[in-house]
Amino acid sequence: MSSDTTVFQDHTKSYYNIEDKEILRLSLHDKVEHKNIKTIAEEGIKVTLPAGIDHFYIMEMLEQPDAVARSLNYGARLMGGENMVKLGGLDAKRDELVKIDNLIIAACGTSNNAGRYGEYLMRELGCFKYVESIIASEIFDRDFPKKNGGFISIS
């Protein structure tokens, strides 16, 4: 199983794509209808790993420092003496956002590592009464804060 077909493109020629809200039971005895099987050629995406990189996830991990720098606009979003990161698109919702006391961060894969690090930083800085990073596929209704809650999804 994978969230990205490029991860296994060199290991299989066929795959089954699970659609939104679809539940799939895996079994050695049940067959998937052939019309639902797709081939890698249909996907049309080919990822070539750089020299010296043996796995897709290694490449992603090595890209993380640059991804963080890009997300902070190479420092342009950092507000010097104010200990803030400026996210301009959120200014219009400022009055609503400052009421958030309890935050859930949802992500999968390497994005979950970023979420966990964000959770750590927010706890250290005392940003919220409660903050937790959860693997997105493991979130239940009961995980959402009942009062003054916020939700961030990292992709």
N, C-alpha and C. Protein backbone atom coordinates (compact mmCIF):
# COMPACT_ATOMS: atom_id res chain seq x y z
N MET A 1 0.84 -1.18 0.00
CA MET A 1 0.00 0.00 0.00
C MET A 1 0.88 1.24 0.00
N SER A 2 0.40 2.27 -0.67
CA SER A 2 1.15 3.52 -0.75
C SER A 2 0.19 4.65 -1.07
N SER A 3 0.53 5.85 -0.64
CA SER A 3 -0.26 7.02 -0.99
C SER A 3 0.20 7.62 -2.31
N ASP A 4 1.22 7.07 -2.91
CA ASP A 4 1.78 7.63 -4.13
C ASP A 4 2.28 6.51 -5.02
N THR A 5 1.71 6.40 -6.21
CA THR A 5 2.09 5.30 -7.10
C THR A 5 3.53 5.38 -7.57
N THR A 6 4.14 6.55 -7.53
CA THR A 6 5.53 6.66 -7.97
C THR A 6 6.46 5.86 -7.06
N VAL A 7 6.04 5.60 -5.85
CA VAL A 7 6.88 4.85 -4.91
C VAL A 7 7.08 3.41 -5.38
N PHE A 8 6.05 2.81 -5.93
CA PHE A 8 6.18 1.41 -6.32
C PHE A 8 6.22 1.18 -7.82
N GLN A 9 6.39 2.23 -8.59
CA GLN A 9 6.34 2.10 -10.05
C GLN A 9 7.38 1.15 -10.63
N ASP A 10 8.49 0.98 -9.96
CA ASP A 10 9.53 0.08 -10.47
C ASP A 10 9.33 -1.36 -10.00
N HIS A 11 8.33 -1.60 -9.16
CA HIS A 11 8.15 -2.92 -8.57
C HIS A 11 6.90 -3.64 -9.06
N THR A 12 6.02 -2.93 -9.77
CA THR A 12 4.81 -3.55 -10.30
C THR A 12 4.37 -2.81 -11.56
N LYS A 13 3.58 -3.46 -12.35
CA LYS A 13 3.04 -2.83 -13.55
C LYS A 13 1.55 -2.52 -13.40
N SER A 14 0.91 -3.09 -12.37
CA SER A 14 -0.53 -2.90 -12.17
C SER A 14 -0.80 -2.50 -10.73
N TYR A 15 -1.87 -1.75 -10.53
CA TYR A 15 -2.25 -1.34 -9.18
C TYR A 15 -3.74 -1.06 -9.13
N TYR A 16 -4.27 -1.02 -7.93
CA TYR A 16 -5.67 -0.67 -7.71
C TYR A 16 -5.69 0.61 -6.91
N ASN A 17 -6.40 1.60 -7.40
CA ASN A 17 -6.48 2.90 -6.74
C ASN A 17 -7.73 2.95 -5.87
N ILE A 18 -7.58 3.20 -4.59
CA ILE A 18 -8.72 3.32 -3.69
C ILE A 18 -9.25 4.74 -3.79
N GLU A 19 -10.52 4.88 -4.09
CA GLU A 19 -11.15 6.20 -4.24
C GLU A 19 -11.58 6.74 -2.88
N ASP A 20 -11.91 8.04 -2.83
CA ASP A 20 -12.39 8.66 -1.61
C ASP A 20 -13.61 7.90 -1.08
N LYS A 21 -13.66 7.70 0.22
CA LYS A 21 -14.75 7.03 0.94
C LYS A 21 -14.92 5.56 0.57
N GLU A 22 -13.95 4.99 -0.12
CA GLU A 22 -14.01 3.58 -0.48
C GLU A 22 -13.26 2.76 0.56
N ILE A 23 -13.83 1.66 0.94
CA ILE A 23 -13.21 0.76 1.90
C ILE A 23 -12.86 -0.52 1.14
N LEU A 24 -11.66 -1.01 1.36
CA LEU A 24 -11.19 -2.18 0.63
C LEU A 24 -10.72 -3.23 1.62
N ARG A 25 -11.17 -4.45 1.41
CA ARG A 25 -10.72 -5.58 2.22
C ARG A 25 -9.75 -6.39 1.38
N LEU A 26 -8.56 -6.60 1.91
CA LEU A 26 -7.54 -7.36 1.19
C LEU A 26 -7.65 -8.83 1.57
N SER A 27 -7.60 -9.66 0.56
CA SER A 27 -7.71 -11.09 0.79
C SER A 27 -6.94 -11.83 -0.29
N LEU A 28 -6.37 -12.97 0.06
CA LEU A 28 -5.68 -13.80 -0.93
C LEU A 28 -6.68 -14.50 -1.85
N HIS A 29 -7.94 -14.59 -1.43
CA HIS A 29 -8.94 -15.36 -2.18
C HIS A 29 -9.86 -14.50 -3.04
N ASP A 30 -10.13 -13.26 -2.61
CA ASP A 30 -11.03 -12.38 -3.38
C ASP A 30 -10.28 -11.73 -4.52
N LYS A 31 -10.94 -11.52 -5.61
CA LYS A 31 -10.35 -10.90 -6.79
C LYS A 31 -10.94 -9.50 -6.98
N VAL A 32 -10.13 -8.57 -7.42
CA VAL A 32 -10.58 -7.24 -7.78
C VAL A 32 -11.01 -7.30 -9.24
N GLU A 33 -12.15 -6.67 -9.55
CA GLU A 33 -12.61 -6.67 -10.94
C GLU A 33 -11.53 -6.09 -11.84
N HIS A 34 -11.25 -6.79 -12.96
CA HIS A 34 -10.16 -6.39 -13.84
C HIS A 34 -10.32 -4.97 -14.37
N LYS A 35 -11.56 -4.49 -14.56
CA LYS A 35 -11.76 -3.14 -15.09
C LYS A 35 -11.25 -2.06 -14.12
N ASN A 36 -11.10 -2.40 -12.85
CA ASN A 36 -10.62 -1.43 -11.86
C ASN A 36 -9.11 -1.42 -11.71
N ILE A 37 -8.42 -2.37 -12.34
CA ILE A 37 -6.97 -2.44 -12.27
C ILE A 37 -6.39 -1.43 -13.27
N LYS A 38 -5.47 -0.62 -12.81
CA LYS A 38 -4.81 0.36 -13.68
C LYS A 38 -3.36 -0.08 -13.88
N THR A 39 -2.75 0.45 -14.92
CA THR A 39 -1.34 0.15 -15.15
C THR A 39 -0.51 1.40 -14.92
N ILE A 40 0.74 1.21 -14.61
CA ILE A 40 1.65 2.33 -14.37
C ILE A 40 1.70 3.25 -15.58
N ALA A 41 1.61 2.69 -16.78
CA ALA A 41 1.66 3.51 -18.00
C ALA A 41 0.53 4.53 -18.02
N GLU A 42 -0.66 4.18 -17.47
CA GLU A 42 -1.78 5.11 -17.42
C GLU A 42 -1.47 6.32 -16.55
N GLU A 43 -0.70 6.09 -15.52
CA GLU A 43 -0.35 7.16 -14.58
C GLU A 43 0.50 8.23 -15.28
N GLY A 44 1.41 7.80 -16.13
CA GLY A 44 2.20 8.75 -16.91
C GLY A 44 3.23 9.52 -16.13
N ILE A 45 3.55 9.10 -14.93
CA ILE A 45 4.52 9.80 -14.10
C ILE A 45 5.70 8.87 -13.88
N LYS A 46 6.87 9.38 -14.10
CA LYS A 46 8.08 8.58 -13.85
C LYS A 46 9.03 9.44 -13.03
N VAL A 47 9.37 8.96 -11.86
CA VAL A 47 10.31 9.67 -11.00
C VAL A 47 11.65 8.97 -11.09
N THR A 48 12.66 9.72 -11.44
CA THR A 48 14.01 9.18 -11.50
C THR A 48 14.75 9.67 -10.27
N LEU A 49 15.30 8.74 -9.55
CA LEU A 49 16.02 9.10 -8.33
C LEU A 49 17.39 9.68 -8.70
N PRO A 50 17.85 10.69 -7.96
CA PRO A 50 19.18 11.25 -8.21
C PRO A 50 20.27 10.20 -7.92
N ALA A 51 21.42 10.40 -8.51
CA ALA A 51 22.54 9.49 -8.29
C ALA A 51 22.87 9.40 -6.80
N GLY A 52 23.08 8.19 -6.32
CA GLY A 52 23.43 7.98 -4.92
C GLY A 52 22.23 7.84 -4.00
N ILE A 53 21.02 8.05 -4.49
CA ILE A 53 19.80 7.91 -3.69
C ILE A 53 19.15 6.59 -4.08
N ASP A 54 18.97 5.70 -3.09
CA ASP A 54 18.46 4.36 -3.38
C ASP A 54 16.95 4.22 -3.23
N HIS A 55 16.29 5.18 -2.58
CA HIS A 55 14.86 5.04 -2.31
C HIS A 55 14.18 6.39 -2.34
N PHE A 56 12.92 6.38 -2.79
CA PHE A 56 12.10 7.58 -2.89
C PHE A 56 12.04 8.34 -1.56
N TYR A 57 11.85 7.61 -0.45
CA TYR A 57 11.71 8.25 0.85
C TYR A 57 13.02 8.90 1.32
N ILE A 58 14.14 8.34 0.94
CA ILE A 58 15.43 8.97 1.26
C ILE A 58 15.50 10.32 0.56
N MET A 59 15.07 10.36 -0.71
CA MET A 59 15.05 11.61 -1.46
C MET A 59 14.16 12.64 -0.75
N GLU A 60 12.98 12.22 -0.30
CA GLU A 60 12.08 13.13 0.41
C GLU A 60 12.71 13.66 1.70
N MET A 61 13.37 12.79 2.44
CA MET A 61 14.00 13.23 3.69
C MET A 61 15.10 14.24 3.42
N LEU A 62 15.88 14.00 2.39
CA LEU A 62 16.96 14.93 2.06
C LEU A 62 16.43 16.27 1.55
N GLU A 63 15.21 16.28 1.03
CA GLU A 63 14.61 17.52 0.53
C GLU A 63 13.96 18.34 1.65
N GLN A 64 13.79 17.77 2.84
CA GLN A 64 13.04 18.45 3.89
C GLN A 64 13.63 19.80 4.31
N PRO A 65 14.95 19.94 4.49
CA PRO A 65 15.46 21.27 4.87
C PRO A 65 15.11 22.35 3.85
N ASP A 66 15.19 22.01 2.56
CA ASP A 66 14.84 23.00 1.54
C ASP A 66 13.34 23.25 1.54
N ALA A 67 12.53 22.22 1.80
CA ALA A 67 11.08 22.39 1.87
C ALA A 67 10.70 23.34 3.00
N VAL A 68 11.34 23.21 4.14
CA VAL A 68 11.09 24.13 5.26
C VAL A 68 11.50 25.55 4.87
N ALA A 69 12.66 25.69 4.27
CA ALA A 69 13.13 27.03 3.84
C ALA A 69 12.16 27.65 2.85
N ARG A 70 11.66 26.85 1.90
CA ARG A 70 10.69 27.38 0.92
C ARG A 70 9.39 27.79 1.60
N SER A 71 8.93 26.98 2.58
CA SER A 71 7.67 27.30 3.25
C SER A 71 7.78 28.59 4.06
N LEU A 72 8.96 28.92 4.50
CA LEU A 72 9.19 30.17 5.22
C LEU A 72 9.63 31.28 4.27
N ASN A 73 9.51 31.02 2.96
CA ASN A 73 9.89 31.98 1.93
C ASN A 73 11.34 32.44 2.15
N TYR A 74 12.20 31.48 2.50
CA TYR A 74 13.63 31.72 2.72
C TYR A 74 13.86 32.84 3.73
N GLY A 75 13.01 32.86 4.76
CA GLY A 75 13.19 33.82 5.86
C GLY A 75 12.31 35.06 5.75
N ALA A 76 11.72 35.30 4.60
CA ALA A 76 10.92 36.51 4.42
C ALA A 76 9.64 36.50 5.25
N ARG A 77 9.18 35.33 5.68
CA ARG A 77 7.97 35.25 6.50
C ARG A 77 8.26 35.38 8.00
N LEU A 78 9.53 35.35 8.37
CA LEU A 78 9.88 35.46 9.79
C LEU A 78 9.84 36.92 10.21
N MET A 79 9.15 37.17 11.30
CA MET A 79 9.02 38.54 11.81
C MET A 79 10.01 38.71 12.95
N GLY A 80 11.18 39.24 12.64
CA GLY A 80 12.32 39.44 13.53
C GLY A 80 12.06 39.45 15.01
N GLY A 81 11.85 40.62 15.62
CA GLY A 81 11.74 40.74 17.07
C GLY A 81 10.40 40.33 17.63
N GLU A 82 9.46 39.92 16.78
CA GLU A 82 8.12 39.59 17.25
C GLU A 82 7.91 38.10 17.50
N ASN A 83 8.92 37.26 17.24
CA ASN A 83 8.79 35.81 17.40
C ASN A 83 7.56 35.28 16.68
N MET A 84 7.40 35.67 15.43
CA MET A 84 6.23 35.27 14.65
C MET A 84 6.64 34.84 13.25
N VAL A 85 5.76 34.05 12.64
CA VAL A 85 5.86 33.71 11.23
C VAL A 85 4.65 34.34 10.56
N LYS A 86 4.88 35.10 9.53
CA LYS A 86 3.81 35.84 8.84
C LYS A 86 3.21 34.99 7.74
N LEU A 87 1.92 34.65 7.87
CA LEU A 87 1.17 33.93 6.86
C LEU A 87 0.04 34.87 6.41
N GLY A 88 0.31 35.67 5.41
CA GLY A 88 -0.58 36.75 4.99
C GLY A 88 -2.00 36.34 4.71
N GLY A 89 -2.23 35.18 4.16
CA GLY A 89 -3.59 34.76 3.83
C GLY A 89 -4.48 34.57 5.04
N LEU A 90 -3.89 34.49 6.22
CA LEU A 90 -4.68 34.27 7.43
C LEU A 90 -5.06 35.56 8.15
N ASP A 91 -4.55 36.69 7.70
CA ASP A 91 -4.83 37.97 8.37
C ASP A 91 -6.32 38.26 8.49
N ALA A 92 -7.10 37.94 7.47
CA ALA A 92 -8.53 38.23 7.48
C ALA A 92 -9.27 37.42 8.54
N LYS A 93 -8.71 36.31 8.98
CA LYS A 93 -9.35 35.44 9.98
C LYS A 93 -8.69 35.55 11.35
N ARG A 94 -7.89 36.56 11.56
CA ARG A 94 -7.11 36.70 12.78
C ARG A 94 -7.97 36.61 14.04
N ASP A 95 -9.09 37.33 14.09
CA ASP A 95 -9.93 37.34 15.29
C ASP A 95 -10.46 35.96 15.64
N GLU A 96 -10.75 35.14 14.63
CA GLU A 96 -11.22 33.78 14.88
C GLU A 96 -10.07 32.86 15.29
N LEU A 97 -8.93 33.03 14.65
CA LEU A 97 -7.79 32.15 14.90
C LEU A 97 -7.20 32.33 16.31
N VAL A 98 -7.21 33.53 16.83
CA VAL A 98 -6.63 33.74 18.16
C VAL A 98 -7.46 33.09 19.27
N LYS A 99 -8.67 32.67 18.96
CA LYS A 99 -9.52 31.99 19.95
C LYS A 99 -9.21 30.50 20.07
N ILE A 100 -8.39 29.98 19.17
CA ILE A 100 -8.07 28.55 19.19
C ILE A 100 -7.18 28.23 20.39
N ASP A 101 -7.67 27.33 21.24
CA ASP A 101 -6.90 26.87 22.41
C ASP A 101 -6.40 25.44 22.22
N ASN A 102 -7.11 24.67 21.41
CA ASN A 102 -6.83 23.25 21.25
C ASN A 102 -6.65 22.95 19.76
N LEU A 103 -5.50 22.39 19.40
CA LEU A 103 -5.17 22.20 17.99
C LEU A 103 -4.85 20.75 17.67
N ILE A 104 -5.43 20.27 16.57
CA ILE A 104 -5.11 18.95 16.03
C ILE A 104 -4.39 19.16 14.70
N ILE A 105 -3.28 18.46 14.52
CA ILE A 105 -2.51 18.49 13.28
C ILE A 105 -2.62 17.10 12.66
N ALA A 106 -3.08 17.02 11.42
CA ALA A 106 -3.24 15.73 10.74
C ALA A 106 -2.29 15.64 9.55
N ALA A 107 -1.62 14.51 9.43
CA ALA A 107 -0.70 14.31 8.30
C ALA A 107 -0.35 12.84 8.20
N CYS A 108 0.22 12.47 7.05
CA CYS A 108 0.69 11.11 6.83
C CYS A 108 2.13 11.14 6.33
N GLY A 109 2.81 10.03 6.47
CA GLY A 109 4.16 9.89 5.92
C GLY A 109 5.13 10.91 6.48
N THR A 110 5.97 11.44 5.60
CA THR A 110 6.97 12.40 6.05
C THR A 110 6.33 13.70 6.50
N SER A 111 5.12 14.00 6.00
CA SER A 111 4.40 15.19 6.47
C SER A 111 4.05 15.05 7.95
N ASN A 112 3.84 13.82 8.40
CA ASN A 112 3.56 13.60 9.81
C ASN A 112 4.77 13.97 10.67
N ASN A 113 5.98 13.74 10.15
CA ASN A 113 7.17 14.16 10.90
C ASN A 113 7.18 15.68 11.07
N ALA A 114 6.80 16.40 10.03
CA ALA A 114 6.72 17.87 10.13
C ALA A 114 5.66 18.27 11.15
N GLY A 115 4.53 17.56 11.14
CA GLY A 115 3.47 17.84 12.11
C GLY A 115 3.91 17.59 13.54
N ARG A 116 4.64 16.51 13.75
CA ARG A 116 5.13 16.19 15.10
C ARG A 116 6.14 17.23 15.58
N TYR A 117 6.97 17.70 14.65
CA TYR A 117 7.92 18.74 15.02
C TYR A 117 7.18 20.05 15.33
N GLY A 118 6.16 20.35 14.54
CA GLY A 118 5.34 21.52 14.82
C GLY A 118 4.66 21.41 16.17
N GLU A 119 4.16 20.22 16.49
CA GLU A 119 3.55 19.98 17.81
C GLU A 119 4.56 20.26 18.91
N TYR A 120 5.77 19.73 18.76
CA TYR A 120 6.83 19.95 19.75
C TYR A 120 7.10 21.45 19.94
N LEU A 121 7.26 22.18 18.83
CA LEU A 121 7.55 23.61 18.92
C LEU A 121 6.41 24.37 19.59
N MET A 122 5.18 24.04 19.22
CA MET A 122 4.03 24.74 19.80
C MET A 122 3.88 24.45 21.28
N ARG A 123 4.23 23.24 21.70
CA ARG A 123 4.19 22.92 23.14
C ARG A 123 5.29 23.69 23.89
N GLU A 124 6.48 23.69 23.31
CA GLU A 124 7.61 24.40 23.93
C GLU A 124 7.33 25.90 24.06
N LEU A 125 6.67 26.45 23.06
CA LEU A 125 6.37 27.89 23.06
C LEU A 125 5.07 28.22 23.79
N GLY A 126 4.34 27.21 24.22
CA GLY A 126 3.09 27.44 24.95
C GLY A 126 2.02 28.09 24.10
N CYS A 127 1.95 27.72 22.84
CA CYS A 127 1.01 28.35 21.90
C CYS A 127 -0.44 27.98 22.17
N PHE A 128 -0.69 26.77 22.66
CA PHE A 128 -2.05 26.27 22.84
C PHE A 128 -2.14 25.54 24.18
N LYS A 129 -3.38 25.41 24.69
CA LYS A 129 -3.58 24.60 25.89
C LYS A 129 -3.33 23.13 25.57
N TYR A 130 -3.71 22.74 24.34
CA TYR A 130 -3.54 21.36 23.91
C TYR A 130 -3.19 21.36 22.42
N VAL A 131 -2.18 20.60 22.05
CA VAL A 131 -1.83 20.42 20.63
C VAL A 131 -1.35 18.99 20.45
N GLU A 132 -1.83 18.34 19.37
CA GLU A 132 -1.42 16.97 19.10
C GLU A 132 -1.37 16.74 17.60
N SER A 133 -0.33 16.06 17.16
CA SER A 133 -0.20 15.65 15.77
C SER A 133 -0.62 14.18 15.67
N ILE A 134 -1.55 13.89 14.77
CA ILE A 134 -2.11 12.54 14.63
C ILE A 134 -1.96 12.10 13.18
N ILE A 135 -1.66 10.83 12.98
CA ILE A 135 -1.64 10.29 11.63
C ILE A 135 -3.07 10.41 11.08
N ALA A 136 -3.21 11.03 9.93
CA ALA A 136 -4.52 11.39 9.39
C ALA A 136 -5.48 10.22 9.30
N SER A 137 -4.99 9.06 8.95
CA SER A 137 -5.87 7.90 8.81
C SER A 137 -6.35 7.36 10.15
N GLU A 138 -5.81 7.86 11.24
CA GLU A 138 -6.17 7.36 12.56
C GLU A 138 -6.99 8.36 13.37
N ILE A 139 -7.49 9.40 12.72
CA ILE A 139 -8.30 10.40 13.42
C ILE A 139 -9.75 9.94 13.49
N PHE A 140 -10.34 10.09 14.66
CA PHE A 140 -11.74 9.78 14.89
C PHE A 140 -12.47 11.04 15.33
N ASP A 141 -13.78 11.01 15.27
CA ASP A 141 -14.59 12.16 15.69
C ASP A 141 -14.22 12.63 17.10
N ARG A 142 -13.97 11.67 17.98
CA ARG A 142 -13.67 12.01 19.38
C ARG A 142 -12.35 12.78 19.53
N ASP A 143 -11.48 12.77 18.50
CA ASP A 143 -10.21 13.47 18.58
C ASP A 143 -10.35 14.98 18.38
N PHE A 144 -11.45 15.41 17.77
CA PHE A 144 -11.61 16.84 17.50
C PHE A 144 -11.99 17.57 18.78
N PRO A 145 -11.34 18.69 19.04
CA PRO A 145 -11.65 19.47 20.25
C PRO A 145 -13.12 19.89 20.26
N LYS A 146 -13.74 19.84 21.44
CA LYS A 146 -15.15 20.21 21.57
C LYS A 146 -15.34 21.72 21.66
N LYS A 147 -14.30 22.42 22.09
CA LYS A 147 -14.43 23.87 22.31
C LYS A 147 -13.13 24.56 21.90
N ASN A 148 -13.26 25.67 21.24
CA ASN A 148 -12.09 26.50 20.82
C ASN A 148 -11.03 25.66 20.09
N GLY A 149 -11.51 24.83 19.18
CA GLY A 149 -10.62 23.91 18.49
C GLY A 149 -10.19 24.40 17.11
N GLY A 150 -9.03 23.92 16.71
CA GLY A 150 -8.49 24.19 15.38
C GLY A 150 -7.97 22.91 14.78
N PHE A 151 -7.88 22.88 13.46
CA PHE A 151 -7.45 21.68 12.74
C PHE A 151 -6.54 22.12 11.60
N ILE A 152 -5.35 21.51 11.54
CA ILE A 152 -4.42 21.76 10.44
C ILE A 152 -4.15 20.43 9.76
N SER A 153 -4.26 20.43 8.44
CA SER A 153 -3.94 19.24 7.65
C SER A 153 -2.70 19.55 6.82
N ILE A 154 -1.69 18.68 6.95
CA ILE A 154 -0.44 18.87 6.20
C ILE A 154 -0.38 17.83 5.10
N SER A 155 -0.12 18.27 3.89
CA SER A 155 -0.06 17.35 2.77
C SER A 155 1.36 17.24 2.26
